[in-house]
Amino acid sequence: MIQLRKNLSSRHVLFKRMMVQKNEYKRPESVLVVIFAQDQVLLLQRRDDPAFWQSVTGSMRFDEENPLQSAWRELAEETGLLSTQGEMQDCHHQTWFDIYPHWRFRYSPDVTKNLEHVFCFRMEKPVNIKLSKEHLDYCWVTKEEAVKLVFSTTNREAILQFVV
């Protein structure tokens, strides 16, 4: 019986190692989707850090071939918005940024930077959204307010550069 537990324990450790090798870590490539309508920008409040307001953002999955595919997935997951409710625009803008130390455990140990692809989702008017579990609240604010509220410098720069 002790030998059987030892073998099962060894298999469990091996399985965990295999899972890490099979992309248990996040891909260090993400999308940022700035959503705006008329003179309003949509911001989401993070559950894990309520002082952190942001646009839609998320890591690309290893099976996703292009950033646009990830942008559509993240838009639906984080807001419930559909392609029929607006127009997605690839801003053809990418930024490398340092991953915050407290989030590096999500990535392979040698990873310290992330490549972010910027998109905009333009809507006719602000609408109510369906929040994901990773967010506490949302708000529609002016571009100027959004620039003051967002935590991330890349998010701030995208709002300044691409929201019209």
Protein backbone atom coordinates (compact mmCIF):
# COMPACT_ATOMS: atom_id res chain seq x y z
CA MET A 1 0.00 0.00 0.00
CA ILE A 2 2.81 2.42 0.84
CA GLN A 3 4.50 1.60 -2.48
CA LEU A 4 1.23 2.21 -4.36
CA ARG A 5 0.83 5.66 -2.75
CA LYS A 6 4.44 6.44 -3.59
CA ASN A 7 3.85 5.50 -7.24
CA LEU A 8 0.65 7.55 -7.38
CA SER A 9 2.43 10.48 -5.78
CA SER A 10 5.27 10.22 -8.31
CA ARG A 11 2.75 10.09 -11.17
CA HIS A 12 0.98 13.13 -9.78
CA VAL A 13 4.25 15.11 -9.68
CA LEU A 14 5.08 13.98 -13.21
CA PHE A 15 1.58 14.94 -14.39
CA LYS A 16 1.95 18.41 -12.85
CA ARG A 17 5.31 18.85 -14.60
CA MET A 18 3.74 17.81 -17.90
CA MET A 19 0.92 20.32 -17.41
CA VAL A 20 3.44 23.12 -16.87
CA GLN A 21 5.23 22.02 -20.03
CA LYS A 22 1.91 21.96 -21.88
CA ASN A 23 1.34 25.68 -21.40
CA GLU A 24 -0.07 25.87 -17.91
CA TYR A 25 1.70 29.22 -17.80
CA LYS A 26 0.14 32.20 -19.52
CA ARG A 27 1.35 33.20 -22.94
CA PRO A 28 3.27 36.50 -22.62
CA GLU A 29 1.17 38.10 -25.33
CA SER A 30 -2.13 39.87 -24.73
CA VAL A 31 -4.81 42.11 -26.16
CA LEU A 32 -6.19 45.42 -24.96
CA VAL A 33 -9.65 46.35 -26.26
CA VAL A 34 -10.66 49.96 -25.65
CA ILE A 35 -14.45 50.23 -25.88
CA PHE A 36 -16.01 53.60 -26.57
CA ALA A 37 -19.33 55.10 -27.66
CA GLN A 38 -19.97 58.74 -28.49
CA ASP A 39 -17.90 60.64 -25.90
CA GLN A 40 -17.78 57.78 -23.36
CA VAL A 41 -15.15 55.12 -22.62
CA LEU A 42 -16.01 51.85 -20.85
CA LEU A 43 -13.83 50.94 -17.86
CA LEU A 44 -13.87 47.78 -15.75
CA GLN A 45 -12.91 47.52 -12.07
CA ARG A 46 -10.75 44.49 -11.26
CA ARG A 47 -11.92 42.17 -8.49
CA ASP A 48 -8.39 41.24 -7.39
CA ASP A 49 -7.41 44.92 -7.05
CA PRO A 50 -10.42 47.29 -6.74
CA ALA A 51 -8.21 50.35 -7.26
CA PHE A 52 -7.33 49.00 -10.74
CA TRP A 53 -9.62 50.29 -13.52
CA GLN A 54 -8.97 49.13 -17.07
CA SER A 55 -10.31 48.47 -20.52
CA VAL A 56 -10.93 44.89 -21.64
CA THR A 57 -7.65 43.00 -21.54
CA GLY A 58 -6.44 39.45 -21.45
CA SER A 59 -3.75 36.99 -22.41
CA MET A 60 -3.79 35.27 -25.74
CA ARG A 61 -4.29 31.53 -25.45
CA PHE A 62 -1.65 29.25 -26.94
CA ASP A 63 -4.19 27.86 -29.42
CA GLU A 64 -5.22 31.30 -30.72
CA GLU A 65 -3.53 32.07 -34.00
CA ASN A 66 -3.95 35.83 -34.05
CA PRO A 67 -4.65 38.73 -31.68
CA LEU A 68 -8.00 39.56 -33.30
CA GLN A 69 -9.34 36.15 -32.30
CA SER A 70 -8.28 36.88 -28.70
CA ALA A 71 -9.81 40.37 -28.80
CA TRP A 72 -13.22 38.98 -29.78
CA ARG A 73 -13.02 36.28 -27.08
CA GLU A 74 -12.01 38.73 -24.35
CA LEU A 75 -14.71 41.22 -25.39
CA ALA A 76 -17.40 38.55 -25.06
CA GLU A 77 -15.99 37.05 -21.83
CA GLU A 78 -15.51 40.31 -19.94
CA THR A 79 -18.52 42.32 -21.16
CA GLY A 80 -20.98 40.00 -22.89
CA LEU A 81 -20.85 42.32 -25.92
CA LEU A 82 -21.36 40.80 -29.36
CA SER A 83 -19.90 41.62 -32.76
CA THR A 84 -23.29 42.99 -33.85
CA GLN A 85 -23.11 45.69 -31.17
CA GLY A 86 -20.14 47.55 -32.56
CA GLU A 87 -17.14 47.61 -34.83
CA MET A 88 -13.77 46.10 -33.89
CA GLN A 89 -10.74 47.96 -35.21
CA ASP A 90 -7.19 46.65 -35.13
CA CYS A 91 -5.13 49.70 -34.19
CA HIS A 92 -1.96 48.04 -35.58
CA HIS A 93 -0.19 49.09 -32.40
CA GLN A 94 1.79 46.79 -30.12
CA THR A 95 3.64 47.60 -26.91
CA TRP A 96 6.10 45.58 -24.85
CA PHE A 97 5.72 46.13 -21.12
CA ASP A 98 7.22 44.74 -17.92
CA ILE A 99 4.95 42.25 -16.16
CA TYR A 100 4.29 43.39 -12.59
CA PRO A 101 6.32 41.23 -10.16
CA HIS A 102 3.19 40.12 -8.27
CA TRP A 103 1.77 38.64 -11.50
CA ARG A 104 4.94 36.95 -12.82
CA PHE A 105 4.04 33.61 -11.20
CA ARG A 106 1.46 33.22 -13.97
CA TYR A 107 4.23 33.06 -16.57
CA SER A 108 7.21 30.84 -17.24
CA PRO A 109 10.03 31.74 -14.80
CA ASP A 110 12.18 33.32 -17.54
CA VAL A 111 9.39 35.67 -18.72
CA THR A 112 9.39 39.30 -17.56
CA LYS A 113 7.81 41.14 -20.52
CA ASN A 114 4.49 40.92 -22.34
CA LEU A 115 3.55 42.02 -25.88
CA GLU A 116 0.17 43.81 -25.92
CA HIS A 117 -1.88 44.27 -29.13
CA VAL A 118 -4.31 47.21 -29.12
CA PHE A 119 -7.85 47.13 -30.52
CA CYS A 120 -10.80 49.50 -30.30
CA PHE A 121 -14.46 48.53 -30.23
CA ARG A 122 -16.63 51.46 -31.33
CA MET A 123 -20.32 51.43 -30.44
CA GLU A 124 -23.14 53.79 -31.33
CA LYS A 125 -24.10 54.44 -27.71
CA PRO A 126 -23.14 53.23 -24.21
CA VAL A 127 -25.01 50.10 -23.11
CA ASN A 128 -25.27 47.97 -19.99
CA ILE A 129 -22.83 45.10 -19.98
CA LYS A 130 -22.61 41.70 -18.32
CA LEU A 131 -19.53 41.62 -16.08
CA SER A 132 -17.29 38.58 -15.82
CA LYS A 133 -16.28 37.19 -12.43
CA GLU A 134 -12.93 38.94 -12.66
CA HIS A 135 -14.53 42.39 -12.36
CA LEU A 136 -16.54 44.13 -9.64
CA ASP A 137 -18.05 47.04 -11.52
CA TYR A 138 -17.96 49.08 -14.70
CA CYS A 139 -18.53 52.67 -15.70
CA TRP A 140 -18.87 54.75 -18.82
CA VAL A 141 -16.78 57.92 -18.43
CA THR A 142 -15.41 60.68 -20.61
CA LYS A 143 -12.07 60.20 -22.32
CA GLU A 144 -10.50 62.67 -19.87
CA GLU A 145 -11.88 60.77 -16.85
CA ALA A 146 -10.78 57.44 -18.31
CA VAL A 147 -7.22 58.69 -18.74
CA LYS A 148 -7.17 59.66 -15.04
CA LEU A 149 -8.76 56.42 -13.80
CA VAL A 150 -6.87 53.69 -15.66
CA PHE A 151 -3.94 52.15 -13.84
CA SER A 152 -1.92 50.92 -16.81
CA THR A 153 0.22 53.34 -18.81
CA THR A 154 -0.36 51.32 -22.01
CA ASN A 155 -4.13 51.56 -21.45
CA ARG A 156 -3.84 55.32 -20.86
CA GLU A 157 -1.78 55.77 -24.03
CA ALA A 158 -4.26 53.74 -26.10
CA ILE A 159 -7.19 55.85 -24.89
CA LEU A 160 -5.33 59.05 -25.70
CA GLN A 161 -4.22 57.86 -29.11
CA PHE A 162 -7.22 55.92 -30.44
CA VAL A 163 -10.44 57.20 -28.84
CA VAL A 164 -11.94 59.85 -31.12
